[in-house]
Protein backbone atom coordinates (compact mmCIF):
# COMPACT_ATOMS: atom_id res chain seq x y z
CA MET A 1 95.51 98.33 93.65
CA ALA A 2 92.78 99.22 96.10
CA LYS A 3 90.36 96.49 97.10
CA ILE A 4 87.84 98.83 98.72
CA PRO A 5 86.21 100.68 95.83
CA LYS A 6 86.79 104.42 95.66
CA SER A 7 83.14 104.84 94.77
CA ALA A 8 82.09 103.26 98.07
CA ILE A 9 84.41 105.56 100.03
CA LYS A 10 83.18 108.63 98.14
CA SER A 11 79.55 107.66 98.67
CA LEU A 12 80.03 107.05 102.39
CA VAL A 13 81.83 110.34 102.98
CA LYS A 14 79.33 112.29 100.92
CA SER A 15 76.31 110.74 102.67
CA LYS A 16 77.73 111.39 106.15
CA ASN A 17 79.45 114.74 105.65
CA LYS A 18 77.82 116.28 102.58
CA ILE A 19 81.23 116.84 100.98
CA ALA A 20 82.83 115.39 97.87
CA LEU A 21 86.20 113.61 97.67
CA THR A 22 88.71 113.54 94.87
CA ASP A 23 89.77 110.17 93.50
CA ASN A 24 93.18 110.60 95.16
CA ALA A 25 91.59 111.29 98.55
CA ALA A 26 89.30 108.29 98.21
CA SER A 27 92.29 106.11 97.24
CA SER A 28 94.20 107.27 100.31
CA ILE A 29 91.30 106.46 102.61
CA SER A 30 90.91 103.09 100.91
CA ARG A 31 94.58 102.21 101.51
CA ILE A 32 94.33 103.24 105.17
CA LEU A 33 91.19 101.16 105.70
CA GLU A 34 92.74 98.15 103.98
CA LYS A 35 95.80 98.28 106.24
CA LYS A 36 93.55 98.62 109.26
CA ALA A 37 91.45 95.65 108.13
CA GLU A 38 94.62 93.58 107.71
CA ARG A 39 95.72 94.38 111.28
CA ILE A 40 92.29 93.49 112.67
CA ALA A 41 92.15 90.24 110.70
CA LYS A 42 95.66 89.25 111.80
CA TYR A 43 94.79 89.83 115.45
CA ALA A 44 91.47 88.01 115.10
CA LEU A 45 93.09 85.05 113.35
CA THR A 46 95.71 84.72 116.08
CA ARG A 47 92.95 84.80 118.69
CA ALA A 48 90.90 82.20 116.82
CA LYS A 49 93.90 79.88 116.42
CA LYS A 50 94.70 80.16 120.15
CA SER A 51 91.11 79.06 120.79
CA GLY A 52 91.57 76.06 118.46
CA ARG A 53 89.41 77.49 115.67
CA ASN A 54 90.03 78.06 111.98
CA THR A 55 87.20 80.56 111.77
CA ILE A 56 87.21 84.18 112.90
CA LEU A 57 84.14 85.04 114.92
CA LYS A 58 82.56 88.39 115.71
CA GLU A 59 83.91 88.04 119.24
CA ASP A 60 87.46 88.02 117.83
CA ILE A 61 86.82 91.33 116.08
CA ASP A 62 85.17 92.75 119.18
CA ALA A 63 88.20 91.69 121.25
CA TYR A 64 90.44 93.76 118.94
CA ARG A 65 88.19 96.79 119.41
CA LEU A 66 88.17 96.39 123.19
CA LYS A 67 91.93 95.86 123.42
CA PHE A 68 92.91 98.74 121.15
CA GLY A 69 90.00 101.07 121.90
CA GLU A 70 88.69 101.46 118.40
């Protein structure tokens, strides 16, 4: 089950691109984004733990973006 609401995906795409999405398309995007978020969180958590923290900071997320160019 998707954790990112299809309605949020549909609204974002429509507001930026002036095009509608089907429920299936929104579900697919949601699954992709969830997997991406999991990868980012895993990297950030590893980085935080190596720094002796139990909390992910913005800098951990930024480090992922800089390392992987996203």
